[in-house]
């Protein structure tokens, strides 16, 4: 298993992650999260919308991973978007993506 996905799973266990478009978008606007993760196989509209919002609110983002694997690490079927607000995990994800 990839260390990237393991770190996302760790963030979930810590309760330091938001899952899904609405909760991530709401949190970006509140400047609550340090890093947004967008799956590579997310729709182009989703990517474009989230990148715009991240740039608008000065939030870091990563485009990496697959929806199915992100979902597996987060206890869901498929996840296109997630946000991590545990600082050390977020830094690891940014530096190793």
PDB file of N, CA and C in Angstrom:
ATOM      1  N   UNK A   1       0.843  -1.188   0.000  1.00  0.00           N
ATOM      2  CA  UNK A   1       0.000   0.000   0.000  1.00  0.00           C
ATOM      3  C   UNK A   1       0.883   1.244   0.000  1.00  0.00           C
ATOM      4  N   UNK A   2       0.446   2.231  -0.686  1.00  0.00           N
ATOM      5  CA  UNK A   2       1.192   3.463  -0.841  1.00  0.00           C
ATOM      6  C   UNK A   2       1.148   4.286   0.453  1.00  0.00           C
ATOM      7  N   UNK A   3       2.255   4.896   0.811  1.00  0.00           N
ATOM      8  CA  UNK A   3       2.337   5.719   2.027  1.00  0.00           C
ATOM      9  C   UNK A   3       1.371   6.909   1.958  1.00  0.00           C
ATOM     10  N   UNK A   4       1.140   7.437   0.760  1.00  0.00           N
ATOM     11  CA  UNK A   4       0.192   8.538   0.569  1.00  0.00           C
ATOM     12  C   UNK A   4      -1.181   8.158   1.110  1.00  0.00           C
ATOM     13  N   UNK A   5      -1.661   6.977   0.701  1.00  0.00           N
ATOM     14  CA  UNK A   5      -2.972   6.529   1.148  1.00  0.00           C
ATOM     15  C   UNK A   5      -2.974   6.207   2.640  1.00  0.00           C
ATOM     16  N   UNK A   6      -1.872   5.701   3.151  1.00  0.00           N
ATOM     17  CA  UNK A   6      -1.774   5.409   4.582  1.00  0.00           C
ATOM     18  C   UNK A   6      -1.902   6.678   5.418  1.00  0.00           C
ATOM     19  N   UNK A   7      -1.285   7.753   4.957  1.00  0.00           N
ATOM     20  CA  UNK A   7      -1.365   9.021   5.682  1.00  0.00           C
ATOM     21  C   UNK A   7      -2.785   9.569   5.672  1.00  0.00           C
ATOM     22  N   UNK A   8      -3.494   9.371   4.573  1.00  0.00           N
ATOM     23  CA  UNK A   8      -4.891   9.809   4.507  1.00  0.00           C
ATOM     24  C   UNK A   8      -5.728   8.990   5.486  1.00  0.00           C
ATOM     25  N   UNK A   9      -5.464   7.696   5.549  1.00  0.00           N
ATOM     26  CA  UNK A   9      -6.153   6.840   6.511  1.00  0.00           C
ATOM     27  C   UNK A   9      -5.864   7.267   7.945  1.00  0.00           C
ATOM     28  N   UNK A  10      -4.635   7.676   8.206  1.00  0.00           N
ATOM     29  CA  UNK A  10      -4.264   8.142   9.541  1.00  0.00           C
ATOM     30  C   UNK A  10      -5.021   9.428   9.896  1.00  0.00           C
ATOM     31  N   UNK A  11      -5.151  10.332   8.917  1.00  0.00           N
ATOM     32  CA  UNK A  11      -5.902  11.565   9.150  1.00  0.00           C
ATOM     33  C   UNK A  11      -7.357  11.252   9.487  1.00  0.00           C
ATOM     34  N   UNK A  12      -7.904  10.246   8.832  1.00  0.00           N
ATOM     35  CA  UNK A  12      -9.281   9.834   9.111  1.00  0.00           C
ATOM     36  C   UNK A  12      -9.404   9.314  10.539  1.00  0.00           C
ATOM     37  N   UNK A  13      -8.457   8.487  10.950  1.00  0.00           N
ATOM     38  CA  UNK A  13      -8.496   7.934  12.306  1.00  0.00           C
ATOM     39  C   UNK A  13      -8.380   9.030  13.356  1.00  0.00           C
ATOM     40  N   UNK A  14      -7.649  10.092  13.034  1.00  0.00           N
ATOM     41  CA  UNK A  14      -7.514  11.227  13.951  1.00  0.00           C
ATOM     42  C   UNK A  14      -8.739  12.132  13.926  1.00  0.00           C
ATOM     43  N   UNK A  15      -9.602  11.943  12.932  1.00  0.00           N
ATOM     44  CA  UNK A  15     -10.765  12.811  12.788  1.00  0.00           C
ATOM     45  C   UNK A  15     -10.418  14.169  12.220  1.00  0.00           C
ATOM     46  N   UNK A  16      -9.325  14.234  11.473  1.00  0.00           N
ATOM     47  CA  UNK A  16      -8.829  15.497  10.930  1.00  0.00           C
ATOM     48  C   UNK A  16      -9.001  15.578   9.419  1.00  0.00           C
ATOM     49  N   UNK A  17     -10.162  15.156   8.923  1.00  0.00           N
ATOM     50  CA  UNK A  17     -10.391  15.145   7.485  1.00  0.00           C
ATOM     51  C   UNK A  17     -11.866  15.409   7.195  1.00  0.00           C
ATOM     52  N   UNK A  18     -12.128  16.085   6.101  1.00  0.00           N
ATOM     53  CA  UNK A  18     -13.490  16.289   5.612  1.00  0.00           C
ATOM     54  C   UNK A  18     -13.608  15.583   4.269  1.00  0.00           C
ATOM     55  N   UNK A  19     -14.780  15.040   4.005  1.00  0.00           N
ATOM     56  CA  UNK A  19     -14.983  14.251   2.796  1.00  0.00           C
ATOM     57  C   UNK A  19     -16.179  14.811   2.033  1.00  0.00           C
ATOM     58  N   UNK A  20     -16.010  14.960   0.732  1.00  0.00           N
ATOM     59  CA  UNK A  20     -17.111  15.379  -0.124  1.00  0.00           C
ATOM     60  C   UNK A  20     -17.055  16.859  -0.473  1.00  0.00           C
ATOM     61  N   UNK A  21     -17.680  17.170  -1.591  1.00  0.00           N
ATOM     62  CA  UNK A  21     -17.621  18.512  -2.162  1.00  0.00           C
ATOM     63  C   UNK A  21     -18.151  19.584  -1.222  1.00  0.00           C
ATOM     64  N   UNK A  22     -19.344  19.393  -0.686  1.00  0.00           N
ATOM     65  CA  UNK A  22     -19.974  20.436   0.130  1.00  0.00           C
ATOM     66  C   UNK A  22     -19.202  20.728   1.410  1.00  0.00           C
ATOM     67  N   UNK A  23     -18.813  19.689   2.128  1.00  0.00           N
ATOM     68  CA  UNK A  23     -18.096  19.923   3.387  1.00  0.00           C
ATOM     69  C   UNK A  23     -16.707  20.496   3.146  1.00  0.00           C
ATOM     70  N   UNK A  24     -16.036  20.056   2.087  1.00  0.00           N
ATOM     71  CA  UNK A  24     -14.710  20.599   1.769  1.00  0.00           C
ATOM     72  C   UNK A  24     -14.830  22.060   1.346  1.00  0.00           C
ATOM     73  N   UNK A  25     -15.803  22.370   0.497  1.00  0.00           N
ATOM     74  CA  UNK A  25     -15.992  23.741   0.019  1.00  0.00           C
ATOM     75  C   UNK A  25     -16.327  24.682   1.173  1.00  0.00           C
ATOM     76  N   UNK A  26     -17.189  24.237   2.066  1.00  0.00           N
ATOM     77  CA  UNK A  26     -17.558  25.044   3.227  1.00  0.00           C
ATOM     78  C   UNK A  26     -16.336  25.319   4.099  1.00  0.00           C
ATOM     79  N   UNK A  27     -15.506  24.319   4.259  1.00  0.00           N
ATOM     80  CA  UNK A  27     -14.313  24.466   5.093  1.00  0.00           C
ATOM     81  C   UNK A  27     -13.241  25.329   4.442  1.00  0.00           C
ATOM     82  N   UNK A  28     -13.139  25.258   3.118  1.00  0.00           N
ATOM     83  CA  UNK A  28     -12.187  26.127   2.410  1.00  0.00           C
ATOM     84  C   UNK A  28     -12.565  27.581   2.652  1.00  0.00           C
ATOM     85  N   UNK A  29     -13.850  27.872   2.561  1.00  0.00           N
ATOM     86  CA  UNK A  29     -14.319  29.252   2.744  1.00  0.00           C
ATOM     87  C   UNK A  29     -14.092  29.752   4.159  1.00  0.00           C
ATOM     88  N   UNK A  30     -14.050  28.839   5.128  1.00  0.00           N
ATOM     89  CA  UNK A  30     -13.782  29.222   6.521  1.00  0.00           C
ATOM     90  C   UNK A  30     -12.289  29.205   6.829  1.00  0.00           C
ATOM     91  N   UNK A  31     -11.461  28.896   5.834  1.00  0.00           N
ATOM     92  CA  UNK A  31     -10.004  28.781   5.991  1.00  0.00           C
ATOM     93  C   UNK A  31      -9.637  27.783   7.088  1.00  0.00           C
ATOM     94  N   UNK A  32     -10.364  26.686   7.141  1.00  0.00           N
ATOM     95  CA  UNK A  32     -10.157  25.691   8.188  1.00  0.00           C
ATOM     96  C   UNK A  32      -9.107  24.646   7.813  1.00  0.00           C
ATOM     97  N   UNK A  33      -8.925  24.361   6.526  1.00  0.00           N
ATOM     98  CA  UNK A  33      -8.080  23.240   6.116  1.00  0.00           C
ATOM     99  C   UNK A  33      -6.775  23.697   5.511  1.00  0.00           C
ATOM    100  N   UNK A  34      -5.763  22.865   5.695  1.00  0.00           N
ATOM    101  CA  UNK A  34      -4.480  23.192   5.102  1.00  0.00           C
ATOM    102  C   UNK A  34      -4.299  22.620   3.715  1.00  0.00           C
ATOM    103  N   UNK A  35      -4.858  21.459   3.428  1.00  0.00           N
ATOM    104  CA  UNK A  35      -4.632  20.814   2.140  1.00  0.00           C
ATOM    105  C   UNK A  35      -5.887  20.117   1.638  1.00  0.00           C
ATOM    106  N   UNK A  36      -6.217  20.375   0.376  1.00  0.00           N
ATOM    107  CA  UNK A  36      -7.335  19.702  -0.285  1.00  0.00           C
ATOM    108  C   UNK A  36      -6.752  18.652  -1.222  1.00  0.00           C
ATOM    109  N   UNK A  37      -7.324  17.460  -1.196  1.00  0.00           N
ATOM    110  CA  UNK A  37      -6.891  16.374  -2.071  1.00  0.00           C
ATOM    111  C   UNK A  37      -7.984  16.149  -3.108  1.00  0.00           C
ATOM    112  N   UNK A  38      -7.597  16.232  -4.370  1.00  0.00           N
ATOM    113  CA  UNK A  38      -8.524  16.003  -5.479  1.00  0.00           C
ATOM    114  C   UNK A  38      -8.038  14.773  -6.231  1.00  0.00           C
ATOM    115  N   UNK A  39      -8.920  13.812  -6.417  1.00  0.00           N
ATOM    116  CA  UNK A  39      -8.550  12.587  -7.126  1.00  0.00           C
ATOM    117  C   UNK A  39      -8.253  12.897  -8.587  1.00  0.00           C
ATOM    118  N   UNK A  40      -7.264  12.212  -9.140  1.00  0.00           N
ATOM    119  CA  UNK A  40      -6.894  12.407 -10.540  1.00  0.00           C
ATOM    120  C   UNK A  40      -8.041  12.068 -11.480  1.00  0.00           C
ATOM    121  N   UNK A  41      -8.872  11.086 -11.104  1.00  0.00           N
ATOM    122  CA  UNK A  41      -9.968  10.689 -11.979  1.00  0.00           C
ATOM    123  C   UNK A  41     -11.292  11.362 -11.620  1.00  0.00           C
ATOM    124  N   UNK A  42     -11.226  12.465 -10.856  1.00  0.00           N
ATOM    125  CA  UNK A  42     -12.419  13.274 -10.601  1.00  0.00           C
ATOM    126  C   UNK A  42     -12.809  13.976 -11.903  1.00  0.00           C
ATOM    127  N   UNK A  43     -14.048  14.387 -12.007  1.00  0.00           N
ATOM    128  CA  UNK A  43     -14.499  15.048 -13.236  1.00  0.00           C
ATOM    129  C   UNK A  43     -13.769  16.375 -13.420  1.00  0.00           C
ATOM    130  N   UNK A  44     -13.647  16.782 -14.659  1.00  0.00           N
ATOM    131  CA  UNK A  44     -12.958  18.040 -14.972  1.00  0.00           C
ATOM    132  C   UNK A  44     -13.675  19.225 -14.329  1.00  0.00           C
ATOM    133  N   UNK A  45     -14.988  19.189 -14.289  1.00  0.00           N
ATOM    134  CA  UNK A  45     -15.763  20.265 -13.670  1.00  0.00           C
ATOM    135  C   UNK A  45     -15.443  20.363 -12.179  1.00  0.00           C
ATOM    136  N   UNK A  46     -15.356  19.231 -11.512  1.00  0.00           N
ATOM    137  CA  UNK A  46     -15.024  19.200 -10.089  1.00  0.00           C
ATOM    138  C   UNK A  46     -13.627  19.761  -9.857  1.00  0.00           C
ATOM    139  N   UNK A  47     -12.668  19.308 -10.652  1.00  0.00           N
ATOM    140  CA  UNK A  47     -11.296  19.807 -10.512  1.00  0.00           C
ATOM    141  C   UNK A  47     -11.242  21.322 -10.713  1.00  0.00           C
ATOM    142  N   UNK A  48     -11.863  21.787 -11.777  1.00  0.00           N
ATOM    143  CA  UNK A  48     -11.833  23.210 -12.104  1.00  0.00           C
ATOM    144  C   UNK A  48     -12.454  24.042 -10.984  1.00  0.00           C
ATOM    145  N   UNK A  49     -13.598  23.589 -10.476  1.00  0.00           N
ATOM    146  CA  UNK A  49     -14.296  24.309  -9.414  1.00  0.00           C
ATOM    147  C   UNK A  49     -13.457  24.371  -8.139  1.00  0.00           C
ATOM    148  N   UNK A  50     -12.907  23.233  -7.723  1.00  0.00           N
ATOM    149  CA  UNK A  50     -12.128  23.199  -6.484  1.00  0.00           C
ATOM    150  C   UNK A  50     -10.814  23.961  -6.600  1.00  0.00           C
ATOM    151  N   UNK A  51     -10.148  23.869  -7.730  1.00  0.00           N
ATOM    152  CA  UNK A  51      -8.903  24.618  -7.921  1.00  0.00           C
ATOM    153  C   UNK A  51      -9.180  26.114  -7.855  1.00  0.00           C
ATOM    154  N   UNK A  52     -10.285  26.538  -8.470  1.00  0.00           N
ATOM    155  CA  UNK A  52     -10.670  27.958  -8.410  1.00  0.00           C
ATOM    156  C   UNK A  52     -10.886  28.396  -6.961  1.00  0.00           C
ATOM    157  N   UNK A  53     -11.648  27.611  -6.203  1.00  0.00           N
ATOM    158  CA  UNK A  53     -11.930  27.948  -4.807  1.00  0.00           C
ATOM    159  C   UNK A  53     -10.658  27.939  -3.963  1.00  0.00           C
ATOM    160  N   UNK A  54      -9.787  26.966  -4.180  1.00  0.00           N
ATOM    161  CA  UNK A  54      -8.522  26.908  -3.431  1.00  0.00           C
ATOM    162  C   UNK A  54      -7.667  28.141  -3.707  1.00  0.00           C
ATOM    163  N   UNK A  55      -7.576  28.528  -4.964  1.00  0.00           N
ATOM    164  CA  UNK A  55      -6.794  29.717  -5.313  1.00  0.00           C
ATOM    165  C   UNK A  55      -7.427  30.979  -4.742  1.00  0.00           C
ATOM    166  N   UNK A  56      -8.738  31.059  -4.776  1.00  0.00           N
ATOM    167  CA  UNK A  56      -9.462  32.226  -4.274  1.00  0.00           C
ATOM    168  C   UNK A  56      -9.235  32.418  -2.776  1.00  0.00           C
ATOM    169  N   UNK A  57      -9.229  31.316  -2.015  1.00  0.00           N
ATOM    170  CA  UNK A  57      -9.084  31.397  -0.571  1.00  0.00           C
ATOM    171  C   UNK A  57      -7.679  31.022  -0.084  1.00  0.00           C
ATOM    172  N   UNK A  58      -6.727  30.964  -1.008  1.00  0.00           N
ATOM    173  CA  UNK A  58      -5.321  30.689  -0.688  1.00  0.00           C
ATOM    174  C   UNK A  58      -5.147  29.384   0.095  1.00  0.00           C
ATOM    175  N   UNK A  59      -5.733  28.333  -0.430  1.00  0.00           N
ATOM    176  CA  UNK A  59      -5.672  27.009   0.190  1.00  0.00           C
ATOM    177  C   UNK A  59      -4.842  26.094  -0.714  1.00  0.00           C
ATOM    178  N   UNK A  60      -3.979  25.286  -0.131  1.00  0.00           N
ATOM    179  CA  UNK A  60      -3.149  24.371  -0.921  1.00  0.00           C
ATOM    180  C   UNK A  60      -3.978  23.174  -1.369  1.00  0.00           C
ATOM    181  N   UNK A  61      -3.620  22.637  -2.528  1.00  0.00           N
ATOM    182  CA  UNK A  61      -4.314  21.450  -3.029  1.00  0.00           C
ATOM    183  C   UNK A  61      -3.341  20.531  -3.734  1.00  0.00           C
ATOM    184  N   UNK A  62      -3.747  19.260  -3.794  1.00  0.00           N
ATOM    185  CA  UNK A  62      -2.973  18.218  -4.462  1.00  0.00           C
ATOM    186  C   UNK A  62      -3.928  17.473  -5.376  1.00  0.00           C
ATOM    187  N   UNK A  63      -3.498  17.207  -6.589  1.00  0.00           N
ATOM    188  CA  UNK A  63      -4.265  16.337  -7.478  1.00  0.00           C
ATOM    189  C   UNK A  63      -3.495  15.026  -7.545  1.00  0.00           C
ATOM    190  N   UNK A  64      -4.001  14.036  -6.835  1.00  0.00           N
ATOM    191  CA  UNK A  64      -3.291  12.763  -6.746  1.00  0.00           C
ATOM    192  C   UNK A  64      -4.251  11.675  -6.297  1.00  0.00           C
ATOM    193  N   UNK A  65      -3.985  10.474  -6.711  1.00  0.00           N
ATOM    194  CA  UNK A  65      -4.756   9.328  -6.254  1.00  0.00           C
ATOM    195  C   UNK A  65      -5.969   9.034  -7.118  1.00  0.00           C
ATOM    196  N   UNK A  66      -6.614   7.952  -6.792  1.00  0.00           N
ATOM    197  CA  UNK A  66      -7.810   7.520  -7.508  1.00  0.00           C
ATOM    198  C   UNK A  66      -8.987   7.525  -6.553  1.00  0.00           C
ATOM    199  N   UNK A  67     -10.174   7.781  -7.097  1.00  0.00           N
ATOM    200  CA  UNK A  67     -11.382   7.856  -6.277  1.00  0.00           C
ATOM    201  C   UNK A  67     -11.608   6.589  -5.462  1.00  0.00           C
ATOM    202  N   UNK A  68     -11.404   5.453  -6.088  1.00  0.00           N
ATOM    203  CA  UNK A  68     -11.668   4.186  -5.410  1.00  0.00           C
ATOM    204  C   UNK A  68     -10.702   3.967  -4.230  1.00  0.00           C
ATOM    205  N   UNK A  69      -9.425   4.247  -4.420  1.00  0.00           N
ATOM    206  CA  UNK A  69      -8.453   4.061  -3.341  1.00  0.00           C
ATOM    207  C   UNK A  69      -8.643   5.087  -2.225  1.00  0.00           C
ATOM    208  N   UNK A  70      -8.947   6.340  -2.597  1.00  0.00           N
ATOM    209  CA  UNK A  70      -9.234   7.340  -1.571  1.00  0.00           C
ATOM    210  C   UNK A  70     -10.446   6.912  -0.751  1.00  0.00           C
ATOM    211  N   UNK A  71     -11.470   6.429  -1.434  1.00  0.00           N
ATOM    212  CA  UNK A  71     -12.657   5.948  -0.746  1.00  0.00           C
ATOM    213  C   UNK A  71     -12.351   4.797   0.189  1.00  0.00           C
ATOM    214  N   UNK A  72     -11.527   3.890  -0.259  1.00  0.00           N
ATOM    215  CA  UNK A  72     -11.158   2.735   0.563  1.00  0.00           C
ATOM    216  C   UNK A  72     -10.463   3.172   1.848  1.00  0.00           C
ATOM    217  N   UNK A  73      -9.563   4.139   1.748  1.00  0.00           N
ATOM    218  CA  UNK A  73      -8.845   4.619   2.925  1.00  0.00           C
ATOM    219  C   UNK A  73      -9.745   5.416   3.869  1.00  0.00           C
ATOM    220  N   UNK A  74     -10.837   5.958   3.317  1.00  0.00           N
ATOM    221  CA  UNK A  74     -11.725   6.792   4.127  1.00  0.00           C
ATOM    222  C   UNK A  74     -13.010   6.085   4.525  1.00  0.00           C
ATOM    223  N   UNK A  75     -13.101   4.788   4.224  1.00  0.00           N
ATOM    224  CA  UNK A  75     -14.275   4.020   4.620  1.00  0.00           C
ATOM    225  C   UNK A  75     -15.507   4.302   3.788  1.00  0.00           C
ATOM    226  N   UNK A  76     -15.306   4.729   2.565  1.00  0.00           N
ATOM    227  CA  UNK A  76     -16.409   5.031   1.642  1.00  0.00           C
ATOM    228  C   UNK A  76     -16.213   4.223   0.363  1.00  0.00           C
ATOM    229  N   UNK A  77     -17.208   4.303  -0.553  1.00  0.00           N
ATOM    230  CA  UNK A  77     -17.091   3.610  -1.827  1.00  0.00           C
ATOM    231  C   UNK A  77     -16.080   4.325  -2.727  1.00  0.00           C
ATOM    232  N   UNK A  78     -16.387   5.575  -3.068  1.00  0.00           N
ATOM    233  CA  UNK A  78     -15.487   6.394  -3.892  1.00  0.00           C
ATOM    234  C   UNK A  78     -15.484   7.803  -3.331  1.00  0.00           C
ATOM    235  N   UNK A  79     -14.316   8.420  -3.310  1.00  0.00           N
ATOM    236  CA  UNK A  79     -14.181   9.791  -2.815  1.00  0.00           C
ATOM    237  C   UNK A  79     -13.354  10.579  -3.827  1.00  0.00           C
ATOM    238  N   UNK A  80     -13.940  11.657  -4.351  1.00  0.00           N
ATOM    239  CA  UNK A  80     -13.230  12.512  -5.308  1.00  0.00           C
ATOM    240  C   UNK A  80     -12.461  13.624  -4.622  1.00  0.00           C
ATOM    241  N   UNK A  81     -13.002  14.092  -3.490  1.00  0.00           N
ATOM    242  CA  UNK A  81     -12.436  15.259  -2.825  1.00  0.00           C
ATOM    243  C   UNK A  81     -12.385  15.020  -1.318  1.00  0.00           C
ATOM    244  N   UNK A  82     -11.273  15.386  -0.729  1.00  0.00           N
ATOM    245  CA  UNK A  82     -11.132  15.341   0.724  1.00  0.00           C
ATOM    246  C   UNK A  82     -10.224  16.499   1.140  1.00  0.00           C
ATOM    247  N   UNK A  83     -10.316  16.868   2.403  1.00  0.00           N
ATOM    248  CA  UNK A  83      -9.470  17.942   2.914  1.00  0.00           C
ATOM    249  C   UNK A  83      -8.882  17.513   4.252  1.00  0.00           C
ATOM    250  N   UNK A  84      -7.590  17.706   4.401  1.00  0.00           N
ATOM    251  CA  UNK A  84      -6.872  17.327   5.622  1.00  0.00           C
ATOM    252  C   UNK A  84      -6.514  18.592   6.388  1.00  0.00           C
ATOM    253  N   UNK A  85      -6.814  18.621   7.684  1.00  0.00           N
ATOM    254  CA  UNK A  85      -6.421  19.783   8.480  1.00  0.00           C
ATOM    255  C   UNK A  85      -5.506  19.450   9.635  1.00  0.00           C
ATOM    256  N   UNK A  86      -4.900  18.296   9.604  1.00  0.00           N
ATOM    257  CA  UNK A  86      -3.827  17.966  10.541  1.00  0.00           C
ATOM    258  C   UNK A  86      -2.540  18.453   9.875  1.00  0.00           C
ATOM    259  N   UNK A  87      -1.890  19.423  10.474  1.00  0.00           N
ATOM    260  CA  UNK A  87      -0.769  20.136   9.849  1.00  0.00           C
ATOM    261  C   UNK A  87       0.358  19.211   9.385  1.00  0.00           C
ATOM    262  N   UNK A  88       0.801  18.295  10.241  1.00  0.00           N
ATOM    263  CA  UNK A  88       1.936  17.435   9.888  1.00  0.00           C
ATOM    264  C   UNK A  88       1.593  16.478   8.752  1.00  0.00           C
ATOM    265  N   UNK A  89       0.401  15.930   8.772  1.00  0.00           N
ATOM    266  CA  UNK A  89      -0.024  15.039   7.686  1.00  0.00           C
ATOM    267  C   UNK A  89      -0.143  15.831   6.393  1.00  0.00           C
ATOM    268  N   UNK A  90      -0.720  17.019   6.475  1.00  0.00           N
ATOM    269  CA  UNK A  90      -0.862  17.870   5.289  1.00  0.00           C
ATOM    270  C   UNK A  90       0.508  18.217   4.693  1.00  0.00           C
ATOM    271  N   UNK A  91       1.466  18.552   5.536  1.00  0.00           N
ATOM    272  CA  UNK A  91       2.820  18.854   5.042  1.00  0.00           C
ATOM    273  C   UNK A  91       3.456  17.641   4.380  1.00  0.00           C
ATOM    274  N   UNK A  92       3.264  16.479   4.971  1.00  0.00           N
ATOM    275  CA  UNK A  92       3.805  15.262   4.369  1.00  0.00           C
ATOM    276  C   UNK A  92       3.190  15.040   2.983  1.00  0.00           C
ATOM    277  N   UNK A  93       1.879  15.180   2.877  1.00  0.00           N
ATOM    278  CA  UNK A  93       1.194  14.966   1.603  1.00  0.00           C
ATOM    279  C   UNK A  93       1.679  15.953   0.538  1.00  0.00           C
ATOM    280  N   UNK A  94       1.864  17.195   0.929  1.00  0.00           N
ATOM    281  CA  UNK A  94       2.340  18.215  -0.025  1.00  0.00           C
ATOM    282  C   UNK A  94       3.774  17.919  -0.474  1.00  0.00           C
ATOM    283  N   UNK A  95       4.638  17.606   0.469  1.00  0.00           N
ATOM    284  CA  UNK A  95       6.048  17.377   0.152  1.00  0.00           C
ATOM    285  C   UNK A  95       6.320  16.086  -0.598  1.00  0.00           C
ATOM    286  N   UNK A  96       5.433  15.113  -0.472  1.00  0.00           N
ATOM    287  CA  UNK A  96       5.655  13.818  -1.103  1.00  0.00           C
ATOM    288  C   UNK A  96       4.633  13.493  -2.190  1.00  0.00           C
ATOM    289  N   UNK A  97       4.076  14.507  -2.792  1.00  0.00           N
ATOM    290  CA  UNK A  97       3.110  14.235  -3.867  1.00  0.00           C
ATOM    291  C   UNK A  97       3.724  14.429  -5.227  1.00  0.00           C
TER     292      UNK A  97
END
